[in-house]
């Protein structure tokens, strides 16, 4: 599984970093680390609809213990693990070659069928206004509308897609391997959203072409937003970026 490979790479970069704080919370789970070069904040989208009965198997929390559970069958451990991997990634990431653009700017005008993994209404609306044939897949029935497909249809329809824009929460819900495998004809595969804070080299050799995420530029402001459960408060401390894998 891809997550197992990612966590091994993250563990090799965690040496020398200290776990300062963490929280399993809404809307994002977060992990704060510190090293000789300063602090870094990593997040992962929390999926409350998938939370199971949970007994702590981590013991004493540590950065390495969280990362080790990134591919756990329990979504709480998986979410904390992904946030920890993102914290390590954000500490080491070099954004000198990043593009500070919106994910929409990545789509070529001649892209025919575009898959949206996770219903993101503002983005879907813009894509349709620009004439793209958009197929929206969503796991959570609460986020469905009349033009949304169940994620069960991804297996059958993804091979037909020319481009895929996937919420990086697919790393948390364990569907990333399926998406990469089935999107075999897509020329563009973007992981988008705060959960996509990974180091791009973690995804080299896969079909993922870009990461469209957020760099925390004001940690204290973003952290306050997270503690207050605020999307807007967290995002006010960030800047969107796109990096090529």
C-alpha atoms as a PDB file:
ATOM      1  CA  UNK A   1       0.000   0.000   0.000  1.00  0.00           C
ATOM      2  CA  UNK A   2       1.100   3.539  -0.792  1.00  0.00           C
ATOM      3  CA  UNK A   3       0.578   4.784   2.770  1.00  0.00           C
ATOM      4  CA  UNK A   4       2.974   2.180   4.102  1.00  0.00           C
ATOM      5  CA  UNK A   5       5.670   3.438   1.714  1.00  0.00           C
ATOM      6  CA  UNK A   6       4.938   7.067   2.593  1.00  0.00           C
ATOM      7  CA  UNK A   7       5.190   6.463   6.329  1.00  0.00           C
ATOM      8  CA  UNK A   8       8.591   4.737   5.957  1.00  0.00           C
ATOM      9  CA  UNK A   9       9.916   7.757   4.053  1.00  0.00           C
ATOM     10  CA  UNK A  10       8.457  10.140   6.645  1.00  0.00           C
ATOM     11  CA  UNK A  11      10.001   8.191   9.527  1.00  0.00           C
ATOM     12  CA  UNK A  12      13.431   8.575   7.929  1.00  0.00           C
ATOM     13  CA  UNK A  13      12.971  12.371   8.037  1.00  0.00           C
ATOM     14  CA  UNK A  14      11.478  12.609  11.534  1.00  0.00           C
ATOM     15  CA  UNK A  15      14.783  12.242  13.362  1.00  0.00           C
ATOM     16  CA  UNK A  16      15.617  15.437  15.214  1.00  0.00           C
ATOM     17  CA  UNK A  17      12.033  16.695  15.258  1.00  0.00           C
ATOM     18  CA  UNK A  18      10.109  17.077  18.512  1.00  0.00           C
ATOM     19  CA  UNK A  19       6.352  16.637  18.913  1.00  0.00           C
ATOM     20  CA  UNK A  20       5.143  19.873  20.539  1.00  0.00           C
ATOM     21  CA  UNK A  21       1.379  19.465  20.440  1.00  0.00           C
ATOM     22  CA  UNK A  22      -1.463  17.731  18.611  1.00  0.00           C
ATOM     23  CA  UNK A  23      -5.240  17.499  18.464  1.00  0.00           C
ATOM     24  CA  UNK A  24      -7.805  15.162  16.940  1.00  0.00           C
ATOM     25  CA  UNK A  25     -10.423  17.769  16.177  1.00  0.00           C
ATOM     26  CA  UNK A  26     -12.837  19.350  13.702  1.00  0.00           C
ATOM     27  CA  UNK A  27     -12.439  20.411  10.971  1.00  0.00           C
ATOM     28  CA  UNK A  28      -8.802  19.257  10.899  1.00  0.00           C
ATOM     29  CA  UNK A  29      -6.619  17.043  13.031  1.00  0.00           C
ATOM     30  CA  UNK A  30      -3.249  18.699  13.567  1.00  0.00           C
ATOM     31  CA  UNK A  31       0.308  17.977  14.683  1.00  0.00           C
ATOM     32  CA  UNK A  32       2.865  20.629  15.615  1.00  0.00           C
ATOM     33  CA  UNK A  33       6.589  19.809  15.484  1.00  0.00           C
ATOM     34  CA  UNK A  34       9.808  21.667  16.090  1.00  0.00           C
ATOM     35  CA  UNK A  35      13.362  21.188  14.871  1.00  0.00           C
ATOM     36  CA  UNK A  36      16.563  23.233  14.616  1.00  0.00           C
ATOM     37  CA  UNK A  37      15.028  25.270  11.747  1.00  0.00           C
ATOM     38  CA  UNK A  38      11.835  26.150  13.626  1.00  0.00           C
ATOM     39  CA  UNK A  39       8.259  24.894  13.866  1.00  0.00           C
ATOM     40  CA  UNK A  40       5.975  23.246  11.314  1.00  0.00           C
ATOM     41  CA  UNK A  41       2.264  22.486  11.427  1.00  0.00           C
ATOM     42  CA  UNK A  42       0.707  19.552   9.603  1.00  0.00           C
ATOM     43  CA  UNK A  43      -2.995  18.845   9.259  1.00  0.00           C
ATOM     44  CA  UNK A  44      -5.340  16.165   7.965  1.00  0.00           C
ATOM     45  CA  UNK A  45      -9.072  16.432   7.390  1.00  0.00           C
ATOM     46  CA  UNK A  46     -11.096  14.749  10.130  1.00  0.00           C
ATOM     47  CA  UNK A  47     -13.813  12.401   8.838  1.00  0.00           C
ATOM     48  CA  UNK A  48     -16.287  12.104  11.739  1.00  0.00           C
ATOM     49  CA  UNK A  49     -18.611   9.823   9.784  1.00  0.00           C
ATOM     50  CA  UNK A  50     -15.895   7.149   9.767  1.00  0.00           C
ATOM     51  CA  UNK A  51     -14.916   7.274  13.453  1.00  0.00           C
ATOM     52  CA  UNK A  52     -15.190   3.912  15.197  1.00  0.00           C
ATOM     53  CA  UNK A  53     -15.088   2.901  18.852  1.00  0.00           C
ATOM     54  CA  UNK A  54     -11.510   3.610  19.820  1.00  0.00           C
ATOM     55  CA  UNK A  55      -9.077   2.380  22.435  1.00  0.00           C
ATOM     56  CA  UNK A  56      -5.722   4.075  22.558  1.00  0.00           C
ATOM     57  CA  UNK A  57      -3.067   1.710  21.249  1.00  0.00           C
ATOM     58  CA  UNK A  58      -0.468   4.434  20.852  1.00  0.00           C
ATOM     59  CA  UNK A  59       0.556   4.641  24.508  1.00  0.00           C
ATOM     60  CA  UNK A  60       2.750   7.656  25.077  1.00  0.00           C
ATOM     61  CA  UNK A  61       2.261   9.999  22.093  1.00  0.00           C
ATOM     62  CA  UNK A  62       5.295  10.681  19.937  1.00  0.00           C
ATOM     63  CA  UNK A  63       5.887  11.806  16.390  1.00  0.00           C
ATOM     64  CA  UNK A  64       7.184   8.386  15.388  1.00  0.00           C
ATOM     65  CA  UNK A  65       4.269   6.583  17.075  1.00  0.00           C
ATOM     66  CA  UNK A  66       1.759   8.683  15.131  1.00  0.00           C
ATOM     67  CA  UNK A  67       3.539   8.152  11.806  1.00  0.00           C
ATOM     68  CA  UNK A  68       3.706   4.397  12.368  1.00  0.00           C
ATOM     69  CA  UNK A  69      -0.105   4.311  12.472  1.00  0.00           C
ATOM     70  CA  UNK A  70      -0.715   6.203   9.229  1.00  0.00           C
ATOM     71  CA  UNK A  71      -1.958   2.982   7.616  1.00  0.00           C
ATOM     72  CA  UNK A  72      -3.895   1.762  10.672  1.00  0.00           C
ATOM     73  CA  UNK A  73      -7.371   0.313  10.184  1.00  0.00           C
ATOM     74  CA  UNK A  74      -8.637   2.819  12.749  1.00  0.00           C
ATOM     75  CA  UNK A  75      -9.433   6.211  11.221  1.00  0.00           C
ATOM     76  CA  UNK A  76      -8.405   8.176  14.329  1.00  0.00           C
ATOM     77  CA  UNK A  77      -4.905   6.685  14.267  1.00  0.00           C
ATOM     78  CA  UNK A  78      -4.766   7.089  10.482  1.00  0.00           C
ATOM     79  CA  UNK A  79      -5.734  10.766  10.704  1.00  0.00           C
ATOM     80  CA  UNK A  80      -3.175  11.535  13.401  1.00  0.00           C
ATOM     81  CA  UNK A  81      -0.587   9.635  11.365  1.00  0.00           C
ATOM     82  CA  UNK A  82      -1.345  11.644   8.242  1.00  0.00           C
ATOM     83  CA  UNK A  83      -1.162  14.940  10.145  1.00  0.00           C
ATOM     84  CA  UNK A  84       2.200  13.869  11.589  1.00  0.00           C
ATOM     85  CA  UNK A  85       3.524  12.963   8.121  1.00  0.00           C
ATOM     86  CA  UNK A  86       2.372  16.362   6.872  1.00  0.00           C
ATOM     87  CA  UNK A  87       4.107  18.122   9.760  1.00  0.00           C
ATOM     88  CA  UNK A  88       7.376  16.377   8.845  1.00  0.00           C
ATOM     89  CA  UNK A  89       6.792  17.206   5.189  1.00  0.00           C
ATOM     90  CA  UNK A  90       6.108  20.885   5.879  1.00  0.00           C
ATOM     91  CA  UNK A  91       9.253  21.130   7.977  1.00  0.00           C
ATOM     92  CA  UNK A  92      11.391  19.837   5.102  1.00  0.00           C
ATOM     93  CA  UNK A  93       9.497  21.063   2.018  1.00  0.00           C
ATOM     94  CA  UNK A  94      11.204  23.406  -0.428  1.00  0.00           C
ATOM     95  CA  UNK A  95       8.638  25.647  -2.096  1.00  0.00           C
ATOM     96  CA  UNK A  96      11.091  27.672  -4.143  1.00  0.00           C
ATOM     97  CA  UNK A  97       9.697  26.020  -7.276  1.00  0.00           C
ATOM     98  CA  UNK A  98       6.048  26.153  -6.205  1.00  0.00           C
ATOM     99  CA  UNK A  99       3.347  27.936  -8.144  1.00  0.00           C
ATOM    100  CA  UNK A 100       1.092  30.144  -6.047  1.00  0.00           C
ATOM    101  CA  UNK A 101      -1.931  29.461  -8.233  1.00  0.00           C
ATOM    102  CA  UNK A 102      -5.407  27.967  -7.981  1.00  0.00           C
ATOM    103  CA  UNK A 103      -5.886  24.302  -8.872  1.00  0.00           C
ATOM    104  CA  UNK A 104      -8.191  25.333 -11.754  1.00  0.00           C
ATOM    105  CA  UNK A 105      -5.241  26.812 -13.594  1.00  0.00           C
ATOM    106  CA  UNK A 106      -3.697  23.345 -13.954  1.00  0.00           C
ATOM    107  CA  UNK A 107      -6.445  21.968 -16.190  1.00  0.00           C
ATOM    108  CA  UNK A 108      -5.751  22.118 -19.929  1.00  0.00           C
ATOM    109  CA  UNK A 109      -8.604  23.567 -21.935  1.00  0.00           C
ATOM    110  CA  UNK A 110      -8.994  20.369 -23.951  1.00  0.00           C
ATOM    111  CA  UNK A 111      -9.497  18.122 -20.914  1.00  0.00           C
ATOM    112  CA  UNK A 112     -12.647  16.149 -21.690  1.00  0.00           C
ATOM    113  CA  UNK A 113     -13.940  14.241 -18.670  1.00  0.00           C
ATOM    114  CA  UNK A 114     -12.832  15.525 -15.273  1.00  0.00           C
ATOM    115  CA  UNK A 115     -13.326  13.473 -12.084  1.00  0.00           C
ATOM    116  CA  UNK A 116     -13.804  15.342  -8.820  1.00  0.00           C
ATOM    117  CA  UNK A 117     -13.143  12.997  -5.888  1.00  0.00           C
ATOM    118  CA  UNK A 118     -15.005  14.581  -3.007  1.00  0.00           C
ATOM    119  CA  UNK A 119     -17.818  17.054  -3.570  1.00  0.00           C
ATOM    120  CA  UNK A 120     -16.322  20.555  -3.558  1.00  0.00           C
ATOM    121  CA  UNK A 121     -19.265  22.680  -4.802  1.00  0.00           C
ATOM    122  CA  UNK A 122     -17.438  25.988  -5.491  1.00  0.00           C
ATOM    123  CA  UNK A 123     -14.764  24.216  -7.539  1.00  0.00           C
ATOM    124  CA  UNK A 124     -17.311  22.028  -9.330  1.00  0.00           C
ATOM    125  CA  UNK A 125     -19.372  25.096 -10.228  1.00  0.00           C
ATOM    126  CA  UNK A 126     -16.354  26.900 -11.708  1.00  0.00           C
ATOM    127  CA  UNK A 127     -15.328  23.856 -13.741  1.00  0.00           C
ATOM    128  CA  UNK A 128     -18.804  23.470 -15.203  1.00  0.00           C
ATOM    129  CA  UNK A 129     -19.011  27.178 -15.980  1.00  0.00           C
ATOM    130  CA  UNK A 130     -15.797  26.791 -17.977  1.00  0.00           C
ATOM    131  CA  UNK A 131     -17.334  23.942 -19.989  1.00  0.00           C
ATOM    132  CA  UNK A 132     -15.678  20.892 -18.451  1.00  0.00           C
ATOM    133  CA  UNK A 133     -17.616  17.619 -18.261  1.00  0.00           C
ATOM    134  CA  UNK A 134     -17.354  16.996 -14.516  1.00  0.00           C
ATOM    135  CA  UNK A 135     -18.107  13.749 -12.681  1.00  0.00           C
ATOM    136  CA  UNK A 136     -18.362  14.264  -8.915  1.00  0.00           C
ATOM    137  CA  UNK A 137     -17.820  11.280  -6.600  1.00  0.00           C
ATOM    138  CA  UNK A 138     -18.569  11.452  -2.885  1.00  0.00           C
ATOM    139  CA  UNK A 139     -18.522   8.886  -0.068  1.00  0.00           C
ATOM    140  CA  UNK A 140     -20.486  10.862   2.521  1.00  0.00           C
ATOM    141  CA  UNK A 141     -24.238  10.812   1.629  1.00  0.00           C
ATOM    142  CA  UNK A 142     -24.710  14.095   3.533  1.00  0.00           C
ATOM    143  CA  UNK A 143     -22.652  15.812   0.827  1.00  0.00           C
ATOM    144  CA  UNK A 144     -24.514  14.360  -2.129  1.00  0.00           C
ATOM    145  CA  UNK A 145     -26.649  16.387  -4.500  1.00  0.00           C
ATOM    146  CA  UNK A 146     -28.565  15.433  -7.647  1.00  0.00           C
ATOM    147  CA  UNK A 147     -25.392  15.433  -9.742  1.00  0.00           C
ATOM    148  CA  UNK A 148     -23.191  13.462  -7.348  1.00  0.00           C
ATOM    149  CA  UNK A 149     -22.137   9.850  -7.848  1.00  0.00           C
ATOM    150  CA  UNK A 150     -21.446   7.392  -5.049  1.00  0.00           C
ATOM    151  CA  UNK A 151     -17.752   6.653  -4.665  1.00  0.00           C
ATOM    152  CA  UNK A 152     -18.654   3.019  -5.406  1.00  0.00           C
ATOM    153  CA  UNK A 153     -18.758   4.018  -9.088  1.00  0.00           C
ATOM    154  CA  UNK A 154     -15.141   5.225  -9.111  1.00  0.00           C
ATOM    155  CA  UNK A 155     -13.950   1.733  -9.994  1.00  0.00           C
ATOM    156  CA  UNK A 156     -16.015   1.695 -13.175  1.00  0.00           C
ATOM    157  CA  UNK A 157     -15.778   5.331 -14.308  1.00  0.00           C
ATOM    158  CA  UNK A 158     -12.248   6.504 -13.428  1.00  0.00           C
ATOM    159  CA  UNK A 159     -10.597   4.738 -16.418  1.00  0.00           C
ATOM    160  CA  UNK A 160     -12.654   7.049 -18.669  1.00  0.00           C
ATOM    161  CA  UNK A 161     -11.362  10.254 -17.071  1.00  0.00           C
ATOM    162  CA  UNK A 162      -8.852  12.614 -18.697  1.00  0.00           C
ATOM    163  CA  UNK A 163      -8.107  14.450 -15.437  1.00  0.00           C
ATOM    164  CA  UNK A 164      -8.655  13.755 -11.739  1.00  0.00           C
ATOM    165  CA  UNK A 165      -8.872  16.322  -8.964  1.00  0.00           C
ATOM    166  CA  UNK A 166      -9.017  14.397  -5.704  1.00  0.00           C
ATOM    167  CA  UNK A 167      -9.485  15.665  -2.179  1.00  0.00           C
ATOM    168  CA  UNK A 168      -6.333  14.600  -0.368  1.00  0.00           C
ATOM    169  CA  UNK A 169      -8.604  13.156   2.326  1.00  0.00           C
ATOM    170  CA  UNK A 170      -8.425  10.021   0.141  1.00  0.00           C
ATOM    171  CA  UNK A 171      -5.144   9.477   1.994  1.00  0.00           C
ATOM    172  CA  UNK A 172      -7.118   9.337   5.240  1.00  0.00           C
ATOM    173  CA  UNK A 173     -10.039   7.190   4.121  1.00  0.00           C
ATOM    174  CA  UNK A 174      -7.748   4.634   2.483  1.00  0.00           C
ATOM    175  CA  UNK A 175      -8.905   4.990  -1.130  1.00  0.00           C
ATOM    176  CA  UNK A 176      -5.723   6.483  -2.623  1.00  0.00           C
ATOM    177  CA  UNK A 177      -4.480   3.159  -4.020  1.00  0.00           C
ATOM    178  CA  UNK A 178      -7.784   2.482  -5.788  1.00  0.00           C
ATOM    179  CA  UNK A 179      -7.885   5.969  -7.300  1.00  0.00           C
ATOM    180  CA  UNK A 180      -4.336   5.800  -8.629  1.00  0.00           C
ATOM    181  CA  UNK A 181      -4.866   2.314 -10.019  1.00  0.00           C
ATOM    182  CA  UNK A 182      -8.160   3.076 -11.791  1.00  0.00           C
ATOM    183  CA  UNK A 183      -7.277   6.538 -13.144  1.00  0.00           C
ATOM    184  CA  UNK A 184      -4.930   4.884 -15.633  1.00  0.00           C
ATOM    185  CA  UNK A 185      -5.739   7.185 -18.561  1.00  0.00           C
ATOM    186  CA  UNK A 186      -5.682  10.507 -16.704  1.00  0.00           C
ATOM    187  CA  UNK A 187      -2.977  12.897 -17.883  1.00  0.00           C
ATOM    188  CA  UNK A 188      -3.468  15.090 -14.804  1.00  0.00           C
ATOM    189  CA  UNK A 189      -3.966  13.790 -11.245  1.00  0.00           C
ATOM    190  CA  UNK A 190      -4.073  16.432  -8.526  1.00  0.00           C
ATOM    191  CA  UNK A 191      -4.348  15.865  -4.780  1.00  0.00           C
ATOM    192  CA  UNK A 192      -5.885  19.015  -3.347  1.00  0.00           C
ATOM    193  CA  UNK A 193      -6.687  20.484   0.047  1.00  0.00           C
ATOM    194  CA  UNK A 194      -4.768  20.945   3.316  1.00  0.00           C
ATOM    195  CA  UNK A 195      -4.346  17.174   3.741  1.00  0.00           C
ATOM    196  CA  UNK A 196      -2.121  17.253   0.642  1.00  0.00           C
ATOM    197  CA  UNK A 197       0.822  18.888   2.463  1.00  0.00           C
ATOM    198  CA  UNK A 198       3.065  15.921   1.629  1.00  0.00           C
ATOM    199  CA  UNK A 199       6.565  16.160   0.283  1.00  0.00           C
ATOM    200  CA  UNK A 200       6.133  15.654  -3.483  1.00  0.00           C
ATOM    201  CA  UNK A 201       8.929  13.071  -3.563  1.00  0.00           C
ATOM    202  CA  UNK A 202       6.734  10.801  -1.420  1.00  0.00           C
ATOM    203  CA  UNK A 203       4.492  10.361  -4.484  1.00  0.00           C
ATOM    204  CA  UNK A 204       7.048  10.062  -7.260  1.00  0.00           C
ATOM    205  CA  UNK A 205       6.524   6.978  -9.391  1.00  0.00           C
ATOM    206  CA  UNK A 206       2.746   7.098  -8.918  1.00  0.00           C
ATOM    207  CA  UNK A 207       0.167   8.642 -11.265  1.00  0.00           C
ATOM    208  CA  UNK A 208      -0.175  11.727  -9.045  1.00  0.00           C
ATOM    209  CA  UNK A 209       1.127  14.720 -11.031  1.00  0.00           C
ATOM    210  CA  UNK A 210       0.520  17.666  -8.649  1.00  0.00           C
ATOM    211  CA  UNK A 211      -0.138  18.566  -5.028  1.00  0.00           C
ATOM    212  CA  UNK A 212      -2.333  21.618  -4.406  1.00  0.00           C
ATOM    213  CA  UNK A 213      -2.146  22.327  -0.684  1.00  0.00           C
ATOM    214  CA  UNK A 214      -1.623  25.076   1.884  1.00  0.00           C
ATOM    215  CA  UNK A 215       1.543  26.358   3.498  1.00  0.00           C
ATOM    216  CA  UNK A 216       1.034  27.613   7.055  1.00  0.00           C
ATOM    217  CA  UNK A 217       2.698  31.030   7.097  1.00  0.00           C
ATOM    218  CA  UNK A 218       1.291  32.175  10.454  1.00  0.00           C
ATOM    219  CA  UNK A 219       1.394  29.176  12.798  1.00  0.00           C
ATOM    220  CA  UNK A 220      -0.122  30.910  15.828  1.00  0.00           C
ATOM    221  CA  UNK A 221      -3.070  32.250  13.839  1.00  0.00           C
ATOM    222  CA  UNK A 222      -3.667  28.928  12.064  1.00  0.00           C
ATOM    223  CA  UNK A 223      -3.360  26.989  15.325  1.00  0.00           C
ATOM    224  CA  UNK A 224      -5.897  29.212  17.061  1.00  0.00           C
ATOM    225  CA  UNK A 225      -8.310  28.601  14.194  1.00  0.00           C
ATOM    226  CA  UNK A 226      -7.809  24.852  14.533  1.00  0.00           C
ATOM    227  CA  UNK A 227      -8.395  24.912  18.283  1.00  0.00           C
ATOM    228  CA  UNK A 228     -11.603  26.879  17.745  1.00  0.00           C
ATOM    229  CA  UNK A 229     -12.811  24.470  15.058  1.00  0.00           C
ATOM    230  CA  UNK A 230     -12.783  27.175  12.378  1.00  0.00           C
ATOM    231  CA  UNK A 231     -12.144  26.531   8.666  1.00  0.00           C
ATOM    232  CA  UNK A 232     -11.767  30.244   8.006  1.00  0.00           C
ATOM    233  CA  UNK A 233      -9.622  30.907  11.056  1.00  0.00           C
ATOM    234  CA  UNK A 234      -7.195  28.169  10.018  1.00  0.00           C
ATOM    235  CA  UNK A 235      -7.077  29.203   6.365  1.00  0.00           C
ATOM    236  CA  UNK A 236      -6.371  32.843   7.239  1.00  0.00           C
ATOM    237  CA  UNK A 237      -2.946  31.697   8.434  1.00  0.00           C
ATOM    238  CA  UNK A 238      -2.167  29.899   5.163  1.00  0.00           C
ATOM    239  CA  UNK A 239      -1.193  30.431   1.570  1.00  0.00           C
ATOM    240  CA  UNK A 240      -2.262  28.089  -1.247  1.00  0.00           C
ATOM    241  CA  UNK A 241       0.423  26.543  -3.447  1.00  0.00           C
ATOM    242  CA  UNK A 242       0.830  23.964  -6.197  1.00  0.00           C
ATOM    243  CA  UNK A 243       3.881  21.744  -6.638  1.00  0.00           C
ATOM    244  CA  UNK A 244       4.605  19.276  -9.387  1.00  0.00           C
ATOM    245  CA  UNK A 245       5.302  15.685  -8.348  1.00  0.00           C
END
